[in-house]
């Protein structure tokens, strides 16, 4: 029984070591990458102007992301978003044109990250989540920001974030 526990502990330590040091080659970092995805469907019904009948709109969206594994502390992230409102009437397109209507696709994240210890630096286009600015998921397309960020979690129960943003993508 003790030998089994020792072997299990050795496997856990080996597994943690592999995660901490990352991939041995750039090709391995791409092989160890993770794909993520999300399907969205939103429906809005609105009556802004009593003289005009209320309109509704149905939006569908997809988010596809890929993040490489770590190679010498570096990783790459890419995320694309697409949406469509296939059944929108011309009145609905007008009434929802400023906030909920718009069909198309865009590259929302394209960043290079470097992690050392409990600090991560990201440069490029990314989703951010800070008390001042955030990539909100309450719309069919999540907002992205272009710039740089540094996040540190060395202090217990504390996340320190500094960011420079030069562009915004809605």
Protein backbone atom coordinates (compact mmCIF):
# COMPACT_ATOMS: atom_id res chain seq x y z
CA UNK A 1 0.00 0.00 0.00
CA UNK A 2 2.82 2.44 0.83
CA UNK A 3 4.53 1.70 -2.50
CA UNK A 4 1.31 2.55 -4.38
CA UNK A 5 1.01 5.86 -2.50
CA UNK A 6 4.67 6.66 -3.23
CA UNK A 7 4.17 5.89 -6.94
CA UNK A 8 1.05 8.04 -7.06
CA UNK A 9 2.92 10.91 -5.40
CA UNK A 10 5.80 10.54 -7.88
CA UNK A 11 3.35 10.64 -10.80
CA UNK A 12 1.69 13.78 -9.41
CA UNK A 13 5.05 15.53 -8.98
CA UNK A 14 6.10 14.50 -12.51
CA UNK A 15 2.81 15.81 -13.88
CA UNK A 16 3.19 19.11 -12.05
CA UNK A 17 6.74 19.44 -13.29
CA UNK A 18 5.63 18.95 -16.88
CA UNK A 19 2.97 21.67 -16.52
CA UNK A 20 5.34 24.06 -14.79
CA UNK A 21 8.11 23.85 -17.39
CA UNK A 22 5.90 23.59 -20.49
CA UNK A 23 6.69 22.01 -23.83
CA UNK A 24 10.18 20.91 -24.90
CA UNK A 25 9.80 22.17 -28.48
CA UNK A 26 7.74 24.76 -30.31
CA UNK A 27 5.94 21.95 -32.14
CA UNK A 28 5.02 20.38 -28.78
CA UNK A 29 3.64 23.71 -27.58
CA UNK A 30 1.24 23.76 -30.54
CA UNK A 31 0.33 20.10 -29.98
CA UNK A 32 -0.41 20.82 -26.31
CA UNK A 33 -2.61 23.78 -27.21
CA UNK A 34 -6.22 23.99 -26.13
CA UNK A 35 -9.24 24.74 -28.29
CA UNK A 36 -12.30 26.41 -26.78
CA UNK A 37 -15.65 27.33 -28.20
CA UNK A 38 -18.99 28.84 -27.39
CA UNK A 39 -22.32 28.99 -29.16
CA UNK A 40 -24.61 31.92 -28.42
CA UNK A 41 -28.22 32.74 -29.19
CA UNK A 42 -29.83 36.03 -28.17
CA UNK A 43 -33.39 37.26 -28.66
CA UNK A 44 -34.49 40.84 -28.07
CA UNK A 45 -37.96 42.34 -28.25
CA UNK A 46 -38.20 46.12 -28.08
CA UNK A 47 -40.78 48.87 -28.46
CA UNK A 48 -38.86 52.17 -28.46
CA UNK A 49 -41.30 54.33 -30.38
CA UNK A 50 -45.06 53.84 -29.78
CA UNK A 51 -45.80 55.21 -33.28
CA UNK A 52 -43.82 52.30 -34.79
CA UNK A 53 -44.67 48.72 -34.00
CA UNK A 54 -42.21 46.93 -31.75
CA UNK A 55 -39.52 44.86 -33.37
CA UNK A 56 -37.61 41.77 -32.33
CA UNK A 57 -34.34 40.28 -33.44
CA UNK A 58 -32.75 36.84 -33.09
CA UNK A 59 -28.94 36.68 -33.17
CA UNK A 60 -26.74 33.61 -33.31
CA UNK A 61 -23.03 33.62 -32.63
CA UNK A 62 -19.98 31.43 -32.34
CA UNK A 63 -16.68 32.00 -30.53
CA UNK A 64 -13.67 29.80 -31.35
CA UNK A 65 -10.38 30.11 -29.50
CA UNK A 66 -6.98 28.43 -29.47
CA UNK A 67 -4.16 28.86 -26.95
CA UNK A 68 -0.82 27.12 -27.38
CA UNK A 69 0.92 25.31 -24.59
CA UNK A 70 3.82 27.09 -22.89
CA UNK A 71 7.25 27.07 -24.56
CA UNK A 72 9.97 28.67 -22.41
CA UNK A 73 7.22 30.68 -20.71
CA UNK A 74 5.73 31.97 -24.00
CA UNK A 75 2.29 31.16 -25.38
CA UNK A 76 0.10 32.41 -28.22
CA UNK A 77 -3.66 32.98 -28.15
CA UNK A 78 -6.13 33.43 -31.01
CA UNK A 79 -9.90 33.87 -30.80
CA UNK A 80 -12.41 34.59 -33.53
CA UNK A 81 -16.06 35.58 -33.22
CA UNK A 82 -18.87 35.45 -35.76
CA UNK A 83 -22.53 36.34 -35.58
CA UNK A 84 -25.59 36.44 -37.78
CA UNK A 85 -29.17 37.69 -37.55
CA UNK A 86 -30.63 35.64 -40.40
CA UNK A 87 -34.31 36.48 -39.91
CA UNK A 88 -34.06 40.23 -39.15
CA UNK A 89 -36.55 42.45 -40.96
CA UNK A 90 -35.42 45.80 -42.38
CA UNK A 91 -37.26 47.56 -39.51
CA UNK A 92 -35.48 45.36 -36.95
CA UNK A 93 -32.11 46.08 -38.60
CA UNK A 94 -32.83 49.82 -38.24
CA UNK A 95 -34.14 49.64 -34.68
CA UNK A 96 -31.32 47.38 -33.42
CA UNK A 97 -28.60 48.74 -35.71
CA UNK A 98 -26.77 50.69 -33.01
CA UNK A 99 -26.41 47.86 -30.49
CA UNK A 100 -27.62 44.36 -31.41
CA UNK A 101 -27.70 44.02 -35.18
CA UNK A 102 -24.65 43.28 -37.28
CA UNK A 103 -23.56 40.17 -39.07
CA UNK A 104 -19.97 39.21 -39.71
CA UNK A 105 -16.79 37.73 -38.32
CA UNK A 106 -13.71 39.18 -36.65
CA UNK A 107 -10.44 38.15 -35.07
CA UNK A 108 -10.90 39.29 -31.47
CA UNK A 109 -7.77 37.92 -29.82
CA UNK A 110 -4.27 37.63 -31.22
CA UNK A 111 -1.74 37.93 -28.41
CA UNK A 112 1.65 36.77 -27.24
CA UNK A 113 1.93 36.02 -23.53
CA UNK A 114 4.91 35.38 -21.27
CA UNK A 115 4.53 33.85 -17.81
CA UNK A 116 7.15 33.66 -15.06
CA UNK A 117 6.13 32.58 -11.60
CA UNK A 118 2.81 34.22 -10.78
CA UNK A 119 3.22 37.04 -13.30
CA UNK A 120 1.87 37.06 -16.86
CA UNK A 121 2.52 39.71 -19.51
CA UNK A 122 0.26 39.83 -22.59
CA UNK A 123 0.76 41.95 -25.71
CA UNK A 124 -1.65 42.23 -28.64
CA UNK A 125 -5.43 42.05 -28.96
CA UNK A 126 -7.07 40.42 -25.94
CA UNK A 127 -10.10 40.13 -23.71
CA UNK A 128 -9.60 42.00 -20.43
CA UNK A 129 -11.43 41.78 -17.14
CA UNK A 130 -10.58 44.60 -14.74
CA UNK A 131 -12.69 46.85 -12.49
CA UNK A 132 -12.27 49.73 -14.99
CA UNK A 133 -12.61 47.98 -18.35
CA UNK A 134 -13.90 44.54 -19.16
CA UNK A 135 -14.81 42.29 -22.07
CA UNK A 136 -18.48 41.79 -21.33
CA UNK A 137 -20.22 38.66 -22.51
CA UNK A 138 -23.71 40.14 -22.34
CA UNK A 139 -23.72 40.97 -26.07
CA UNK A 140 -23.46 38.67 -29.04
CA UNK A 141 -19.90 39.95 -29.66
CA UNK A 142 -17.54 40.28 -26.71
CA UNK A 143 -15.41 43.43 -26.62
CA UNK A 144 -11.66 43.12 -27.19
CA UNK A 145 -8.83 45.53 -26.40
CA UNK A 146 -5.50 46.05 -28.11
CA UNK A 147 -2.47 46.89 -25.99
CA UNK A 148 -0.51 45.26 -23.18
CA UNK A 149 -1.28 43.93 -19.73
CA UNK A 150 0.62 42.56 -16.78
CA UNK A 151 -1.08 40.46 -14.10
CA UNK A 152 0.50 39.37 -10.83
CA UNK A 153 -0.99 37.09 -8.16
CA UNK A 154 1.92 36.86 -5.69
CA UNK A 155 -0.08 38.39 -2.82
CA UNK A 156 -2.66 36.05 -1.24
CA UNK A 157 -6.25 36.67 -2.41
CA UNK A 158 -5.04 39.63 -4.51
CA UNK A 159 -4.70 40.16 -8.25
CA UNK A 160 -2.70 43.17 -9.41
CA UNK A 161 -3.30 44.26 -13.00
CA UNK A 162 -1.75 47.04 -15.06
CA UNK A 163 -2.86 47.58 -18.64
CA UNK A 164 -2.28 49.94 -21.52
CA UNK A 165 -5.06 50.00 -24.13
CA UNK A 166 -4.71 51.79 -27.44
CA UNK A 167 -7.68 50.37 -29.37
CA UNK A 168 -11.12 48.99 -28.59
CA UNK A 169 -13.11 46.50 -30.66
CA UNK A 170 -16.86 46.21 -30.13
